[in-house]
């Protein structure tokens, strides 16, 4: 049904956005959109299991460790955190913060962000 599925956020001084993205065949767009919205509703209404949260935390922590192997990423992260008033060493605390996230916190954020209509829908096909 989908070639890839993911989510991203755009952080900054002001609140950014949270988005889902999917790559699929043109004839599957409606089905994929329906399924994605259904999954968002399930997350909003039921949250995650403890096992799902544990896997998600491990993935985030692992990805951050890998990204911090690049000197440019370390420099940019440190500079932005300093500009945001967090201090240049804030990234060192992110693993601690990630590991401390609870199921109740995830459910509260999902209930806040995954409600009602979403802000927009993009279609990358030519002419769309």
Protein backbone atom coordinates (compact mmCIF):
# COMPACT_ATOMS: atom_id res chain seq x y z
CA UNK A 1 0.00 0.00 0.00
CA UNK A 2 2.79 2.47 0.90
CA UNK A 3 6.45 2.68 -0.09
CA UNK A 4 7.33 4.57 3.09
CA UNK A 5 5.53 6.19 6.00
CA UNK A 6 6.89 8.61 8.54
CA UNK A 7 6.31 11.61 10.73
CA UNK A 8 8.34 14.74 11.28
CA UNK A 9 8.29 17.90 13.29
CA UNK A 10 9.76 21.33 12.67
CA UNK A 11 11.10 22.76 15.91
CA UNK A 12 12.00 26.34 16.58
CA UNK A 13 11.55 29.24 18.95
CA UNK A 14 7.85 29.35 18.10
CA UNK A 15 5.73 26.20 17.83
CA UNK A 16 6.37 24.47 14.55
CA UNK A 17 4.35 21.71 12.97
CA UNK A 18 3.98 17.97 13.14
CA UNK A 19 3.31 16.10 9.93
CA UNK A 20 2.86 12.62 8.53
CA UNK A 21 4.09 11.67 5.09
CA UNK A 22 3.50 8.67 2.88
CA UNK A 23 4.79 7.57 -0.49
CA UNK A 24 2.39 5.47 -2.51
CA UNK A 25 1.02 4.82 -5.98
CA UNK A 26 -1.48 7.35 -7.34
CA UNK A 27 -4.31 4.81 -7.32
CA UNK A 28 -3.73 4.13 -3.60
CA UNK A 29 -3.81 7.76 -2.37
CA UNK A 30 -7.40 7.70 -1.08
CA UNK A 31 -6.92 4.37 0.69
CA UNK A 32 -3.61 5.45 2.24
CA UNK A 33 -5.11 8.75 3.44
CA UNK A 34 -8.06 6.92 5.01
CA UNK A 35 -5.76 4.44 6.76
CA UNK A 36 -3.39 7.16 7.97
CA UNK A 37 -6.26 9.15 9.49
CA UNK A 38 -7.62 5.96 11.06
CA UNK A 39 -4.26 5.23 12.67
CA UNK A 40 -4.02 8.83 13.93
CA UNK A 41 -7.47 8.44 15.51
CA UNK A 42 -6.43 5.16 17.16
CA UNK A 43 -3.34 6.83 18.56
CA UNK A 44 -5.37 9.82 19.77
CA UNK A 45 -8.03 7.68 21.42
CA UNK A 46 -6.00 4.76 22.77
CA UNK A 47 -2.39 5.84 22.91
CA UNK A 48 0.46 3.38 22.71
CA UNK A 49 1.26 0.19 24.52
CA UNK A 50 4.25 0.08 26.85
CA UNK A 51 6.11 -2.09 24.31
CA UNK A 52 5.42 0.39 21.47
CA UNK A 53 6.64 3.29 23.58
CA UNK A 54 9.79 1.38 24.54
CA UNK A 55 10.56 0.64 20.86
CA UNK A 56 9.89 4.27 19.88
CA UNK A 57 12.20 5.58 22.60
CA UNK A 58 14.95 3.18 21.56
CA UNK A 59 14.63 4.29 17.94
CA UNK A 60 14.75 8.00 18.79
CA UNK A 61 17.72 7.57 21.14
CA UNK A 62 19.57 5.47 18.55
CA UNK A 63 18.92 7.95 15.74
CA UNK A 64 20.13 10.85 17.90
CA UNK A 65 23.32 8.98 18.77
CA UNK A 66 23.98 8.30 15.10
CA UNK A 67 23.28 11.92 14.10
CA UNK A 68 25.66 13.19 16.78
CA UNK A 69 28.53 11.39 15.07
CA UNK A 70 28.57 14.16 12.47
CA UNK A 71 30.53 17.26 13.51
CA UNK A 72 28.27 19.55 11.48
CA UNK A 73 25.16 18.25 13.22
CA UNK A 74 26.76 18.73 16.63
CA UNK A 75 27.77 22.30 15.73
CA UNK A 76 24.34 23.21 14.36
CA UNK A 77 22.46 21.64 17.28
CA UNK A 78 24.70 23.32 19.85
CA UNK A 79 24.40 26.70 18.13
CA UNK A 80 20.62 26.52 17.79
CA UNK A 81 20.15 25.35 21.38
CA UNK A 82 22.28 28.26 22.53
CA UNK A 83 20.24 30.70 20.43
CA UNK A 84 17.01 29.24 21.83
CA UNK A 85 18.31 29.95 25.32
CA UNK A 86 18.68 26.27 26.20
CA UNK A 87 22.46 26.27 26.45
CA UNK A 88 24.88 24.67 24.03
CA UNK A 89 24.96 21.39 26.00
CA UNK A 90 21.18 20.91 25.94
CA UNK A 91 21.45 18.07 23.42
CA UNK A 92 23.31 16.02 26.02
CA UNK A 93 20.09 15.99 28.08
CA UNK A 94 17.79 14.95 25.22
CA UNK A 95 18.39 11.23 25.78
CA UNK A 96 17.41 11.65 29.42
CA UNK A 97 14.25 13.56 28.44
CA UNK A 98 13.33 10.98 25.79
CA UNK A 99 13.73 8.06 28.17
CA UNK A 100 11.56 9.85 30.77
CA UNK A 101 8.49 10.20 28.48
CA UNK A 102 5.45 8.36 29.87
CA UNK A 103 2.44 6.75 28.23
CA UNK A 104 0.20 9.41 29.81
CA UNK A 105 2.31 12.19 28.27
CA UNK A 106 2.12 10.58 24.82
CA UNK A 107 -1.64 10.21 25.12
CA UNK A 108 -2.06 13.85 26.18
CA UNK A 109 0.01 15.14 23.26
CA UNK A 110 -1.75 12.84 20.77
CA UNK A 111 -5.14 14.03 22.04
CA UNK A 112 -4.04 17.65 21.57
CA UNK A 113 -2.33 17.38 18.18
CA UNK A 114 -4.26 14.64 16.38
CA UNK A 115 -7.77 16.02 16.68
CA UNK A 116 -10.22 17.31 14.12
CA UNK A 117 -9.15 18.21 10.64
CA UNK A 118 -5.54 18.39 9.72
CA UNK A 119 -4.12 21.61 8.34
CA UNK A 120 -3.37 20.50 4.83
CA UNK A 121 -2.81 17.73 2.38
CA UNK A 122 -0.18 17.65 -0.30
CA UNK A 123 -0.11 15.63 -3.48
CA UNK A 124 3.20 15.50 -5.32
CA UNK A 125 1.80 14.37 -8.67
CA UNK A 126 2.35 16.77 -11.58
CA UNK A 127 -0.63 19.06 -12.06
CA UNK A 128 -2.13 18.33 -8.65
